[in-house]
């Protein structure tokens, strides 16, 4: 489908619009330290491989089995939220080209949603969008916490399309993870992989996205030029 036929763009947040890698790593390390657990690997890419999965998978893989429910789990989540809340703005930055891409898409009449996999840190999405001056371009924000299902379920994407009042086939999912591509395909949407986020390009290409970009502004080149 030509992009000019698309009416809505559903963007992932972390790794696609927002680079919060430092904030995530420091917050997880704080929560681990409080419980007396070892930190994430010091190598950035190794650390990202540990925390770029859905939240329940992160807990299953990084917390000892006796820490995965009850008081210890509640404490871990509370410490994670506490520390992230104090650093998420200063330790995050906008992905290059993100604001320009959203601004131009909006100027062309597109509807825009943010569809994030955040569960325990969902409360910080809107403050981040406001802080980085993206909120004015976004019509709908959907989190996995809100819909009760993580990506790659199509449910978050279909809910976004419903609220935007746009048919799924006229929506494009833009994300940096295979979960975005798989979920977008399951929802019957056009899929655009962003290759400079949390996941390596090869992993994204394995999911056969309809398009791959290394800069979000590349999306604009395929839109129908505005009439003069």
N, C-alpha and C. Protein backbone atom coordinates (compact mmCIF):
# COMPACT_ATOMS: atom_id res chain seq x y z
N UNK A 1 0.85 -1.20 0.00
CA UNK A 1 0.00 0.00 0.00
C UNK A 1 0.88 1.25 0.00
N UNK A 2 0.66 2.17 -0.92
CA UNK A 2 1.41 3.43 -0.89
C UNK A 2 1.14 4.17 0.42
N UNK A 3 2.17 4.79 0.97
CA UNK A 3 1.98 5.46 2.25
C UNK A 3 0.98 6.59 2.16
N UNK A 4 0.82 7.16 0.97
CA UNK A 4 -0.13 8.27 0.86
C UNK A 4 -1.56 7.80 1.08
N UNK A 5 -1.80 6.47 1.02
CA UNK A 5 -3.13 5.92 1.29
C UNK A 5 -3.36 5.69 2.78
N UNK A 6 -2.33 5.83 3.56
CA UNK A 6 -2.45 5.62 5.00
C UNK A 6 -3.01 6.87 5.66
N UNK A 7 -3.80 6.64 6.69
CA UNK A 7 -4.44 7.74 7.40
C UNK A 7 -3.93 7.92 8.82
N UNK A 8 -3.29 6.89 9.36
CA UNK A 8 -2.84 6.96 10.75
C UNK A 8 -1.51 6.26 10.92
N UNK A 9 -0.70 6.78 11.83
CA UNK A 9 0.60 6.20 12.14
C UNK A 9 0.65 5.91 13.64
N UNK A 10 0.93 4.66 13.97
CA UNK A 10 0.94 4.19 15.35
C UNK A 10 2.40 3.95 15.76
N UNK A 11 2.94 4.85 16.55
CA UNK A 11 4.35 4.80 16.91
C UNK A 11 4.58 4.10 18.25
N UNK A 12 5.57 3.24 18.28
CA UNK A 12 6.11 2.78 19.55
C UNK A 12 6.77 3.96 20.23
N UNK A 13 6.96 3.88 21.54
CA UNK A 13 7.60 4.99 22.26
C UNK A 13 9.09 4.74 22.47
N UNK A 14 9.43 3.78 23.31
CA UNK A 14 10.81 3.58 23.73
C UNK A 14 11.64 2.92 22.63
N UNK A 15 12.69 3.62 22.22
CA UNK A 15 13.53 3.13 21.14
C UNK A 15 13.11 3.64 19.77
N UNK A 16 11.90 4.20 19.68
CA UNK A 16 11.40 4.71 18.41
C UNK A 16 11.26 6.23 18.44
N UNK A 17 10.53 6.75 19.40
CA UNK A 17 10.42 8.20 19.58
C UNK A 17 11.34 8.70 20.69
N UNK A 18 11.53 7.88 21.71
CA UNK A 18 12.28 8.29 22.89
C UNK A 18 13.43 7.33 23.16
N UNK A 19 14.60 7.88 23.39
CA UNK A 19 15.75 7.08 23.78
C UNK A 19 15.90 7.17 25.29
N UNK A 20 15.35 6.18 25.98
CA UNK A 20 15.38 6.15 27.45
C UNK A 20 16.26 5.01 27.95
N UNK A 21 17.23 4.60 27.15
CA UNK A 21 18.05 3.46 27.54
C UNK A 21 18.77 3.68 28.86
N UNK A 22 19.36 4.85 29.02
CA UNK A 22 20.09 5.13 30.26
C UNK A 22 19.15 5.11 31.46
N UNK A 23 17.97 5.69 31.30
CA UNK A 23 17.01 5.73 32.41
C UNK A 23 16.55 4.33 32.80
N UNK A 24 16.29 3.49 31.82
CA UNK A 24 15.86 2.12 32.11
C UNK A 24 16.96 1.34 32.81
N UNK A 25 18.16 1.40 32.28
CA UNK A 25 19.26 0.62 32.86
C UNK A 25 19.56 1.06 34.28
N UNK A 26 19.65 2.36 34.51
CA UNK A 26 19.95 2.83 35.87
C UNK A 26 18.82 2.49 36.84
N UNK A 27 17.57 2.50 36.37
CA UNK A 27 16.44 2.19 37.25
C UNK A 27 16.41 0.71 37.61
N UNK A 28 16.63 -0.15 36.63
CA UNK A 28 16.70 -1.59 36.93
C UNK A 28 17.86 -1.89 37.87
N UNK A 29 18.99 -1.27 37.64
CA UNK A 29 20.14 -1.51 38.50
C UNK A 29 19.88 -1.06 39.94
N UNK A 30 19.17 0.05 40.10
CA UNK A 30 18.82 0.51 41.43
C UNK A 30 17.93 -0.52 42.13
N UNK A 31 16.89 -0.99 41.43
CA UNK A 31 15.97 -1.97 42.02
C UNK A 31 16.69 -3.27 42.36
N UNK A 32 17.60 -3.70 41.49
CA UNK A 32 18.39 -4.90 41.79
C UNK A 32 19.26 -4.69 43.02
N UNK A 33 19.88 -3.52 43.10
CA UNK A 33 20.79 -3.24 44.21
C UNK A 33 20.05 -3.25 45.54
N UNK A 34 18.85 -2.70 45.58
CA UNK A 34 18.08 -2.66 46.82
C UNK A 34 17.79 -4.08 47.31
N UNK A 35 17.56 -5.00 46.39
CA UNK A 35 17.27 -6.39 46.76
C UNK A 35 18.53 -7.23 46.93
N UNK A 36 19.69 -6.61 46.71
CA UNK A 36 20.94 -7.35 46.85
C UNK A 36 21.23 -8.27 45.68
N UNK A 37 20.68 -7.95 44.53
CA UNK A 37 20.87 -8.76 43.33
C UNK A 37 21.93 -8.12 42.43
N UNK A 38 22.59 -8.90 41.58
CA UNK A 38 23.62 -8.32 40.69
C UNK A 38 23.02 -7.39 39.66
N UNK A 39 23.79 -6.39 39.22
CA UNK A 39 23.29 -5.43 38.23
C UNK A 39 23.26 -6.04 36.83
N UNK A 40 22.71 -5.27 35.91
CA UNK A 40 22.75 -5.64 34.49
C UNK A 40 24.20 -5.62 34.00
N UNK A 41 24.48 -6.31 32.89
CA UNK A 41 25.85 -6.26 32.35
C UNK A 41 26.29 -4.83 32.06
N UNK A 42 27.57 -4.55 32.23
CA UNK A 42 28.08 -3.20 32.00
C UNK A 42 28.09 -2.83 30.53
N UNK A 43 28.17 -3.82 29.64
CA UNK A 43 28.11 -3.56 28.21
C UNK A 43 26.69 -3.13 27.83
N UNK A 44 26.57 -2.00 27.13
CA UNK A 44 25.26 -1.44 26.81
C UNK A 44 24.39 -2.42 26.05
N UNK A 45 24.91 -3.02 24.99
CA UNK A 45 24.10 -3.91 24.17
C UNK A 45 23.66 -5.15 24.94
N UNK A 46 24.55 -5.67 25.78
CA UNK A 46 24.19 -6.83 26.59
C UNK A 46 23.08 -6.47 27.58
N UNK A 47 23.20 -5.29 28.18
CA UNK A 47 22.17 -4.84 29.11
C UNK A 47 20.83 -4.68 28.41
N UNK A 48 20.84 -4.10 27.22
CA UNK A 48 19.59 -3.89 26.48
C UNK A 48 18.93 -5.21 26.11
N UNK A 49 19.73 -6.20 25.80
CA UNK A 49 19.15 -7.51 25.46
C UNK A 49 18.39 -8.11 26.62
N UNK A 50 18.75 -7.72 27.83
CA UNK A 50 18.08 -8.24 29.02
C UNK A 50 16.74 -7.56 29.28
N UNK A 51 16.60 -6.30 28.87
CA UNK A 51 15.42 -5.52 29.28
C UNK A 51 14.54 -5.06 28.12
N UNK A 52 14.79 -5.55 26.93
CA UNK A 52 14.00 -5.08 25.79
C UNK A 52 12.81 -6.00 25.49
N UNK A 53 12.49 -6.87 26.41
CA UNK A 53 11.37 -7.79 26.26
C UNK A 53 10.14 -7.28 27.00
N UNK A 54 8.98 -7.90 26.80
CA UNK A 54 7.81 -7.53 27.61
C UNK A 54 8.12 -7.66 29.09
N UNK A 55 7.48 -6.84 29.90
CA UNK A 55 7.85 -6.72 31.31
C UNK A 55 7.80 -8.05 32.06
N UNK A 56 6.76 -8.85 31.80
CA UNK A 56 6.66 -10.12 32.53
C UNK A 56 7.80 -11.06 32.17
N UNK A 57 8.30 -10.97 30.95
CA UNK A 57 9.44 -11.80 30.55
C UNK A 57 10.72 -11.31 31.22
N UNK A 58 10.85 -9.99 31.39
CA UNK A 58 12.02 -9.44 32.09
C UNK A 58 12.06 -9.98 33.51
N UNK A 59 10.92 -9.93 34.19
CA UNK A 59 10.86 -10.42 35.57
C UNK A 59 11.21 -11.90 35.64
N UNK A 60 10.66 -12.69 34.72
CA UNK A 60 10.90 -14.13 34.73
C UNK A 60 12.36 -14.47 34.49
N UNK A 61 13.03 -13.67 33.67
CA UNK A 61 14.40 -14.00 33.30
C UNK A 61 15.44 -13.42 34.26
N UNK A 62 15.12 -12.30 34.93
CA UNK A 62 16.13 -11.61 35.73
C UNK A 62 15.95 -11.77 37.24
N UNK A 63 14.75 -12.08 37.70
CA UNK A 63 14.53 -12.23 39.13
C UNK A 63 14.56 -13.71 39.52
N UNK A 64 15.20 -14.04 40.63
CA UNK A 64 15.13 -15.43 41.12
C UNK A 64 13.68 -15.84 41.34
N UNK A 65 13.40 -17.12 41.24
CA UNK A 65 12.02 -17.61 41.30
C UNK A 65 11.31 -17.19 42.59
N UNK A 66 12.04 -17.11 43.71
CA UNK A 66 11.40 -16.75 44.97
C UNK A 66 11.18 -15.24 45.11
N UNK A 67 11.57 -14.49 44.07
CA UNK A 67 11.36 -13.04 44.06
C UNK A 67 10.23 -12.65 43.09
N UNK A 68 9.61 -13.62 42.43
CA UNK A 68 8.70 -13.30 41.34
C UNK A 68 7.25 -13.16 41.76
N UNK A 69 6.98 -13.21 43.04
CA UNK A 69 5.65 -12.87 43.55
C UNK A 69 5.79 -12.41 44.99
N UNK A 70 4.70 -11.92 45.54
CA UNK A 70 4.69 -11.52 46.92
C UNK A 70 5.42 -10.21 47.20
N UNK A 71 5.89 -10.08 48.43
CA UNK A 71 6.47 -8.83 48.91
C UNK A 71 7.71 -8.43 48.13
N UNK A 72 8.58 -9.38 47.81
CA UNK A 72 9.82 -9.05 47.12
C UNK A 72 9.55 -8.48 45.73
N UNK A 73 8.57 -9.04 45.03
CA UNK A 73 8.21 -8.52 43.71
C UNK A 73 7.63 -7.12 43.83
N UNK A 74 6.75 -6.91 44.79
CA UNK A 74 6.16 -5.59 44.99
C UNK A 74 7.24 -4.56 45.30
N UNK A 75 8.22 -4.97 46.10
CA UNK A 75 9.30 -4.05 46.44
C UNK A 75 10.15 -3.72 45.22
N UNK A 76 10.43 -4.73 44.41
CA UNK A 76 11.22 -4.51 43.20
C UNK A 76 10.52 -3.51 42.28
N UNK A 77 9.22 -3.71 42.05
CA UNK A 77 8.46 -2.83 41.16
C UNK A 77 8.40 -1.42 41.74
N UNK A 78 8.17 -1.31 43.04
CA UNK A 78 8.09 0.00 43.67
C UNK A 78 9.43 0.74 43.57
N UNK A 79 10.53 0.03 43.78
CA UNK A 79 11.85 0.66 43.67
C UNK A 79 12.15 1.08 42.24
N UNK A 80 11.73 0.24 41.29
CA UNK A 80 11.93 0.57 39.87
C UNK A 80 11.16 1.84 39.51
N UNK A 81 9.91 1.92 39.93
CA UNK A 81 9.09 3.09 39.65
C UNK A 81 9.64 4.33 40.34
N UNK A 82 10.05 4.18 41.58
CA UNK A 82 10.57 5.31 42.35
C UNK A 82 11.80 5.91 41.68
N UNK A 83 12.75 5.06 41.31
CA UNK A 83 13.99 5.58 40.74
C UNK A 83 13.75 6.15 39.34
N UNK A 84 12.97 5.45 38.53
CA UNK A 84 12.68 5.92 37.18
C UNK A 84 11.99 7.28 37.22
N UNK A 85 11.08 7.44 38.17
CA UNK A 85 10.37 8.71 38.28
C UNK A 85 11.28 9.89 38.55
N UNK A 86 12.43 9.63 39.15
CA UNK A 86 13.36 10.70 39.46
C UNK A 86 14.36 11.01 38.38
N UNK A 87 14.53 10.09 37.42
CA UNK A 87 15.60 10.28 36.42
C UNK A 87 15.11 10.25 34.97
N UNK A 88 13.83 9.92 34.74
CA UNK A 88 13.43 9.61 33.37
C UNK A 88 13.53 10.80 32.42
N UNK A 89 13.43 12.02 32.93
CA UNK A 89 13.55 13.17 32.04
C UNK A 89 15.01 13.51 31.77
N UNK A 90 15.82 13.55 32.79
CA UNK A 90 17.23 13.93 32.60
C UNK A 90 18.04 12.83 31.92
N UNK A 91 17.60 11.57 32.03
CA UNK A 91 18.35 10.47 31.42
C UNK A 91 17.68 9.95 30.15
N UNK A 92 16.79 10.72 29.57
CA UNK A 92 16.15 10.36 28.31
C UNK A 92 16.37 11.48 27.30
N UNK A 93 16.27 11.14 26.05
CA UNK A 93 16.37 12.15 25.00
C UNK A 93 15.50 11.74 23.82
N UNK A 94 15.14 12.72 23.05
CA UNK A 94 14.32 12.49 21.87
C UNK A 94 15.15 11.82 20.79
N UNK A 95 14.58 10.84 20.11
CA UNK A 95 15.25 10.22 18.97
C UNK A 95 15.40 11.27 17.86
N UNK A 96 16.57 11.39 17.25
CA UNK A 96 16.76 12.38 16.19
C UNK A 96 15.71 12.25 15.08
N UNK A 97 15.09 13.35 14.74
CA UNK A 97 14.10 13.37 13.67
C UNK A 97 12.68 13.05 14.11
N UNK A 98 12.49 12.64 15.37
CA UNK A 98 11.17 12.24 15.82
C UNK A 98 10.16 13.39 15.77
N UNK A 99 10.54 14.54 16.33
CA UNK A 99 9.60 15.66 16.37
C UNK A 99 9.28 16.15 14.95
N UNK A 100 10.30 16.21 14.12
CA UNK A 100 10.08 16.68 12.73
C UNK A 100 9.15 15.74 11.98
N UNK A 101 9.33 14.43 12.19
CA UNK A 101 8.48 13.46 11.50
C UNK A 101 7.03 13.59 11.95
N UNK A 102 6.81 13.69 13.26
CA UNK A 102 5.44 13.83 13.76
C UNK A 102 4.80 15.12 13.30
N UNK A 103 5.58 16.19 13.35
CA UNK A 103 5.05 17.49 12.94
C UNK A 103 4.60 17.48 11.48
N UNK A 104 5.43 16.89 10.62
CA UNK A 104 5.08 16.88 9.19
C UNK A 104 3.93 15.94 8.90
N UNK A 105 3.90 14.79 9.56
CA UNK A 105 2.77 13.87 9.38
C UNK A 105 1.46 14.56 9.78
N UNK A 106 1.51 15.26 10.89
CA UNK A 106 0.32 15.96 11.36
C UNK A 106 -0.08 17.05 10.37
N UNK A 107 0.90 17.76 9.82
CA UNK A 107 0.62 18.81 8.84
C UNK A 107 -0.03 18.24 7.59
N UNK A 108 0.27 16.98 7.28
CA UNK A 108 -0.32 16.34 6.10
C UNK A 108 -1.68 15.73 6.39
N UNK A 109 -2.16 15.90 7.63
CA UNK A 109 -3.50 15.42 7.97
C UNK A 109 -3.56 14.03 8.56
N UNK A 110 -2.41 13.42 8.87
CA UNK A 110 -2.40 12.08 9.44
C UNK A 110 -2.82 12.11 10.91
N UNK A 111 -3.44 11.03 11.36
CA UNK A 111 -3.70 10.84 12.77
C UNK A 111 -2.54 10.06 13.38
N UNK A 112 -2.23 10.36 14.63
CA UNK A 112 -1.03 9.78 15.24
C UNK A 112 -1.37 9.22 16.62
N UNK A 113 -0.89 8.00 16.86
CA UNK A 113 -1.03 7.38 18.18
C UNK A 113 0.33 6.92 18.67
N UNK A 114 0.47 6.85 19.97
CA UNK A 114 1.61 6.18 20.59
C UNK A 114 1.07 4.90 21.20
N UNK A 115 1.69 3.78 20.83
CA UNK A 115 1.30 2.48 21.37
C UNK A 115 2.52 1.90 22.07
N UNK A 116 2.49 1.91 23.39
CA UNK A 116 3.65 1.52 24.17
C UNK A 116 3.41 0.24 24.95
N UNK A 117 4.46 -0.55 25.10
CA UNK A 117 4.38 -1.80 25.87
C UNK A 117 4.53 -1.57 27.36
N UNK A 118 4.65 -0.33 27.77
CA UNK A 118 4.87 -0.06 29.19
C UNK A 118 3.69 -0.56 30.04
N UNK A 119 4.05 -1.13 31.18
CA UNK A 119 3.05 -1.59 32.14
C UNK A 119 3.27 -0.85 33.46
N UNK A 120 4.33 -1.18 34.16
CA UNK A 120 4.59 -0.55 35.47
C UNK A 120 5.06 0.90 35.35
N UNK A 121 5.58 1.28 34.19
CA UNK A 121 6.07 2.66 34.01
C UNK A 121 5.17 3.47 33.08
N UNK A 122 3.93 3.01 32.90
CA UNK A 122 3.01 3.67 31.98
C UNK A 122 2.66 5.09 32.43
N UNK A 123 2.71 5.34 33.74
CA UNK A 123 2.32 6.66 34.26
C UNK A 123 3.25 7.77 33.78
N UNK A 124 4.43 7.41 33.31
CA UNK A 124 5.41 8.42 32.91
C UNK A 124 5.37 8.74 31.41
N UNK A 125 4.47 8.11 30.68
CA UNK A 125 4.41 8.32 29.23
C UNK A 125 3.99 9.75 28.90
N UNK A 126 2.86 10.18 29.41
CA UNK A 126 2.37 11.52 29.07
C UNK A 126 3.31 12.63 29.55
N UNK A 127 3.86 12.54 30.77
CA UNK A 127 4.84 13.57 31.16
C UNK A 127 6.04 13.64 30.22
N UNK A 128 6.49 12.49 29.72
CA UNK A 128 7.62 12.50 28.77
C UNK A 128 7.22 13.14 27.45
N UNK A 129 6.03 12.81 26.96
CA UNK A 129 5.57 13.40 25.69
C UNK A 129 5.42 14.91 25.81
N UNK A 130 4.96 15.37 26.95
CA UNK A 130 4.83 16.82 27.15
C UNK A 130 6.21 17.47 27.26
N UNK A 131 7.09 16.84 28.03
CA UNK A 131 8.43 17.41 28.25
C UNK A 131 9.19 17.58 26.94
N UNK A 132 9.05 16.60 26.05
CA UNK A 132 9.79 16.64 24.79
C UNK A 132 8.98 17.26 23.65
N UNK A 133 7.88 17.92 24.00
CA UNK A 133 7.06 18.69 23.05
C UNK A 133 6.54 17.83 21.90
N UNK A 134 6.06 16.63 22.25
CA UNK A 134 5.44 15.75 21.26
C UNK A 134 3.93 15.66 21.45
N UNK A 135 3.45 16.01 22.62
CA UNK A 135 2.05 15.76 22.97
C UNK A 135 1.07 16.42 22.01
N UNK A 136 1.41 17.59 21.49
CA UNK A 136 0.49 18.30 20.60
C UNK A 136 0.26 17.59 19.27
N UNK A 137 1.16 16.67 18.93
CA UNK A 137 1.04 15.97 17.64
C UNK A 137 0.32 14.62 17.79
N UNK A 138 0.02 14.22 19.01
CA UNK A 138 -0.46 12.87 19.27
C UNK A 138 -1.94 12.90 19.67
N UNK A 139 -2.72 12.08 18.98
CA UNK A 139 -4.16 12.04 19.21
C UNK A 139 -4.56 11.04 20.29
N UNK A 140 -3.84 9.92 20.36
CA UNK A 140 -4.21 8.82 21.25
C UNK A 140 -2.95 8.19 21.82
N UNK A 141 -2.99 7.81 23.10
CA UNK A 141 -1.91 7.04 23.72
C UNK A 141 -2.50 5.75 24.27
N UNK A 142 -1.92 4.62 23.87
CA UNK A 142 -2.37 3.30 24.32
C UNK A 142 -1.19 2.60 24.98
N UNK A 143 -1.41 2.03 26.17
CA UNK A 143 -0.37 1.26 26.83
C UNK A 143 -0.83 -0.18 27.02
N UNK A 144 0.14 -1.08 27.15
CA UNK A 144 -0.20 -2.48 27.43
C UNK A 144 -0.94 -2.60 28.75
N UNK A 145 -0.60 -1.74 29.71
CA UNK A 145 -1.30 -1.75 30.99
C UNK A 145 -2.79 -1.49 30.79
N UNK A 146 -3.10 -0.56 29.91
CA UNK A 146 -4.49 -0.14 29.69
C UNK A 146 -5.32 -1.24 29.04
N UNK A 147 -4.76 -1.91 28.03
CA UNK A 147 -5.54 -2.91 27.29
C UNK A 147 -5.39 -4.31 27.86
N UNK A 148 -4.44 -4.49 28.78
CA UNK A 148 -4.30 -5.79 29.43
C UNK A 148 -3.57 -6.85 28.63
N UNK A 149 -2.95 -6.46 27.52
CA UNK A 149 -2.17 -7.41 26.72
C UNK A 149 -0.92 -6.74 26.19
N UNK A 150 0.18 -7.48 26.22
CA UNK A 150 1.45 -6.98 25.70
C UNK A 150 1.55 -7.19 24.20
N UNK A 151 2.35 -6.37 23.53
CA UNK A 151 2.79 -6.71 22.19
C UNK A 151 3.56 -8.04 22.31
N UNK A 152 3.45 -8.93 21.34
CA UNK A 152 2.94 -8.74 19.97
C UNK A 152 1.45 -9.01 19.76
N UNK A 153 0.67 -8.99 20.82
CA UNK A 153 -0.77 -9.07 20.62
C UNK A 153 -1.21 -7.92 19.72
N UNK A 154 -2.16 -8.15 18.84
CA UNK A 154 -2.66 -7.04 18.00
C UNK A 154 -3.58 -6.11 18.76
N UNK A 155 -4.00 -6.49 19.97
CA UNK A 155 -5.02 -5.72 20.69
C UNK A 155 -4.65 -4.26 20.91
N UNK A 156 -3.41 -3.94 21.35
CA UNK A 156 -3.10 -2.51 21.54
C UNK A 156 -3.21 -1.70 20.25
N UNK A 157 -2.81 -2.30 19.13
CA UNK A 157 -2.86 -1.60 17.85
C UNK A 157 -4.29 -1.44 17.36
N UNK A 158 -5.09 -2.49 17.54
CA UNK A 158 -6.50 -2.40 17.12
C UNK A 158 -7.26 -1.40 17.97
N UNK A 159 -6.92 -1.32 19.25
CA UNK A 159 -7.58 -0.35 20.12
C UNK A 159 -7.22 1.08 19.69
N UNK A 160 -5.96 1.27 19.31
CA UNK A 160 -5.55 2.60 18.83
C UNK A 160 -6.31 2.97 17.56
N UNK A 161 -6.42 2.04 16.63
CA UNK A 161 -7.16 2.30 15.39
C UNK A 161 -8.62 2.62 15.68
N UNK A 162 -9.20 1.89 16.62
CA UNK A 162 -10.60 2.13 16.99
C UNK A 162 -10.79 3.54 17.52
N UNK A 163 -9.89 3.96 18.40
CA UNK A 163 -10.03 5.29 19.00
C UNK A 163 -9.74 6.40 17.99
N UNK A 164 -8.88 6.10 17.04
CA UNK A 164 -8.60 7.09 15.99
C UNK A 164 -9.69 7.11 14.92
N UNK A 165 -10.54 6.08 14.95
CA UNK A 165 -11.61 5.92 13.96
C UNK A 165 -11.03 5.77 12.54
N UNK A 166 -10.03 4.90 12.46
CA UNK A 166 -9.37 4.61 11.18
C UNK A 166 -9.34 3.09 10.99
N UNK A 167 -9.66 2.62 9.81
CA UNK A 167 -9.59 1.19 9.53
C UNK A 167 -8.16 0.68 9.71
N UNK A 168 -8.00 -0.52 10.28
CA UNK A 168 -6.65 -1.07 10.46
C UNK A 168 -5.81 -1.08 9.19
N UNK A 169 -6.42 -1.36 8.05
CA UNK A 169 -5.66 -1.45 6.81
C UNK A 169 -5.11 -0.09 6.37
N UNK A 170 -5.60 0.97 6.97
CA UNK A 170 -5.11 2.31 6.64
C UNK A 170 -4.22 2.87 7.76
N UNK A 171 -3.75 1.97 8.62
CA UNK A 171 -2.84 2.35 9.70
C UNK A 171 -1.45 1.78 9.44
N UNK A 172 -0.44 2.50 9.86
CA UNK A 172 0.94 2.02 9.81
C UNK A 172 1.49 1.95 11.23
N UNK A 173 2.11 0.82 11.55
CA UNK A 173 2.79 0.65 12.84
C UNK A 173 4.26 0.96 12.62
N UNK A 174 4.80 1.84 13.45
CA UNK A 174 6.22 2.22 13.36
C UNK A 174 6.88 1.85 14.67
N UNK A 175 7.85 0.92 14.61
CA UNK A 175 8.48 0.50 15.85
C UNK A 175 9.85 -0.09 15.66
N UNK A 176 10.58 -0.21 16.77
CA UNK A 176 11.96 -0.68 16.71
C UNK A 176 12.11 -2.12 17.19
N UNK A 177 11.00 -2.82 17.43
CA UNK A 177 11.10 -4.18 17.95
C UNK A 177 10.33 -5.17 17.08
N UNK A 178 10.72 -6.43 17.12
CA UNK A 178 9.95 -7.43 16.39
C UNK A 178 8.52 -7.54 16.89
N UNK A 179 8.31 -7.19 18.17
CA UNK A 179 6.95 -7.24 18.73
C UNK A 179 6.04 -6.24 18.03
N UNK A 180 6.57 -5.09 17.65
CA UNK A 180 5.78 -4.11 16.91
C UNK A 180 5.40 -4.65 15.53
N UNK A 181 6.38 -5.26 14.86
CA UNK A 181 6.12 -5.75 13.50
C UNK A 181 5.14 -6.92 13.52
N UNK A 182 5.35 -7.85 14.43
CA UNK A 182 4.44 -9.01 14.53
C UNK A 182 3.04 -8.54 14.89
N UNK A 183 2.93 -7.69 15.91
CA UNK A 183 1.61 -7.20 16.33
C UNK A 183 0.92 -6.41 15.24
N UNK A 184 1.68 -5.57 14.53
CA UNK A 184 1.10 -4.79 13.44
C UNK A 184 0.58 -5.67 12.33
N UNK A 185 1.34 -6.69 11.99
CA UNK A 185 0.88 -7.62 10.93
C UNK A 185 -0.38 -8.36 11.37
N UNK A 186 -0.39 -8.80 12.62
CA UNK A 186 -1.57 -9.51 13.12
C UNK A 186 -2.80 -8.62 13.11
N UNK A 187 -2.58 -7.31 13.25
CA UNK A 187 -3.70 -6.36 13.23
C UNK A 187 -4.10 -5.96 11.82
N UNK A 188 -3.37 -6.47 10.81
CA UNK A 188 -3.69 -6.15 9.43
C UNK A 188 -3.21 -4.78 9.00
N UNK A 189 -2.12 -4.31 9.60
CA UNK A 189 -1.61 -2.96 9.33
C UNK A 189 -0.31 -2.98 8.56
N UNK A 190 0.01 -1.88 7.93
CA UNK A 190 1.29 -1.67 7.27
C UNK A 190 2.35 -1.56 8.37
N UNK A 191 3.51 -2.16 8.17
CA UNK A 191 4.52 -2.16 9.24
C UNK A 191 5.81 -1.50 8.77
N UNK A 192 6.33 -0.61 9.62
CA UNK A 192 7.57 0.12 9.35
C UNK A 192 8.53 -0.12 10.51
N UNK A 193 9.64 -0.76 10.23
CA UNK A 193 10.65 -1.04 11.26
C UNK A 193 11.64 0.11 11.33
N UNK A 194 11.91 0.55 12.55
CA UNK A 194 12.91 1.59 12.79
C UNK A 194 14.18 0.91 13.29
N UNK A 195 15.28 1.07 12.55
CA UNK A 195 16.46 0.23 12.76
C UNK A 195 17.50 0.80 13.72
N UNK A 196 17.24 1.91 14.36
CA UNK A 196 18.23 2.49 15.28
C UNK A 196 17.73 2.54 16.71
N UNK A 197 16.96 1.52 17.08
CA UNK A 197 16.42 1.47 18.44
C UNK A 197 17.06 0.36 19.26
N UNK A 198 16.24 -0.40 19.94
CA UNK A 198 16.72 -1.44 20.86
C UNK A 198 17.17 -2.70 20.14
N UNK A 199 16.65 -2.96 18.96
CA UNK A 199 16.90 -4.23 18.28
C UNK A 199 17.75 -4.06 17.03
N UNK A 200 18.55 -5.08 16.76
CA UNK A 200 19.42 -5.07 15.59
C UNK A 200 18.58 -5.18 14.31
N UNK A 201 19.10 -4.61 13.24
CA UNK A 201 18.39 -4.58 11.97
C UNK A 201 18.05 -5.99 11.48
N UNK A 202 18.97 -6.93 11.65
CA UNK A 202 18.73 -8.30 11.18
C UNK A 202 17.52 -8.92 11.85
N UNK A 203 17.37 -8.67 13.14
CA UNK A 203 16.22 -9.21 13.88
C UNK A 203 14.92 -8.62 13.34
N UNK A 204 14.93 -7.34 13.01
CA UNK A 204 13.74 -6.71 12.46
C UNK A 204 13.41 -7.24 11.08
N UNK A 205 14.44 -7.39 10.24
CA UNK A 205 14.21 -7.88 8.88
C UNK A 205 13.68 -9.31 8.87
N UNK A 206 14.01 -10.08 9.89
CA UNK A 206 13.50 -11.45 9.98
C UNK A 206 11.98 -11.49 10.06
N UNK A 207 11.38 -10.39 10.53
CA UNK A 207 9.92 -10.32 10.63
C UNK A 207 9.27 -9.77 9.37
N UNK A 208 10.09 -9.47 8.36
CA UNK A 208 9.59 -9.01 7.06
C UNK A 208 8.65 -7.80 7.16
N UNK A 209 9.14 -6.70 7.72
CA UNK A 209 8.32 -5.49 7.73
C UNK A 209 8.08 -4.99 6.31
N UNK A 210 7.03 -4.24 6.12
CA UNK A 210 6.75 -3.69 4.79
C UNK A 210 7.79 -2.65 4.39
N UNK A 211 8.44 -2.06 5.38
CA UNK A 211 9.41 -1.00 5.12
C UNK A 211 10.38 -0.94 6.30
N UNK A 212 11.62 -0.58 6.03
CA UNK A 212 12.59 -0.36 7.10
C UNK A 212 13.23 1.00 6.91
N UNK A 213 13.33 1.77 8.01
CA UNK A 213 13.95 3.09 7.96
C UNK A 213 15.01 3.19 9.05
N UNK A 214 16.02 4.01 8.78
CA UNK A 214 17.06 4.27 9.78
C UNK A 214 16.93 5.67 10.38
N UNK A 215 16.02 6.42 9.83
CA UNK A 215 15.70 7.76 10.32
C UNK A 215 14.20 7.94 10.11
N UNK A 216 13.48 8.37 11.13
CA UNK A 216 12.03 8.49 11.03
C UNK A 216 11.60 9.44 9.93
N UNK A 217 12.45 10.39 9.59
CA UNK A 217 12.11 11.34 8.53
C UNK A 217 12.06 10.69 7.16
N UNK A 218 12.61 9.48 7.05
CA UNK A 218 12.53 8.76 5.77
C UNK A 218 11.09 8.44 5.39
N UNK A 219 10.23 8.31 6.39
CA UNK A 219 8.81 8.05 6.11
C UNK A 219 8.22 9.16 5.25
N UNK A 220 8.66 10.38 5.49
CA UNK A 220 8.08 11.53 4.82
C UNK A 220 8.36 11.55 3.33
N UNK A 221 9.47 10.94 2.91
CA UNK A 221 9.84 10.95 1.49
C UNK A 221 8.84 10.18 0.64
N UNK A 222 8.10 9.27 1.27
CA UNK A 222 7.17 8.44 0.53
C UNK A 222 5.74 8.96 0.58
N UNK A 223 5.55 10.06 1.27
CA UNK A 223 4.22 10.64 1.31
C UNK A 223 3.98 11.49 0.08
N UNK A 224 2.74 11.58 -0.27
CA UNK A 224 2.37 12.41 -1.43
C UNK A 224 2.73 13.87 -1.14
N UNK A 225 3.45 14.54 -2.05
CA UNK A 225 3.82 15.94 -1.80
C UNK A 225 2.59 16.81 -1.61
N UNK A 226 2.72 17.80 -0.76
CA UNK A 226 1.62 18.74 -0.54
C UNK A 226 1.41 19.60 -1.79
N UNK A 227 0.16 19.85 -2.16
CA UNK A 227 -0.09 20.73 -3.30
C UNK A 227 0.35 22.15 -3.00
N UNK A 228 0.85 22.83 -4.01
CA UNK A 228 1.30 24.22 -3.85
C UNK A 228 0.18 25.19 -4.20
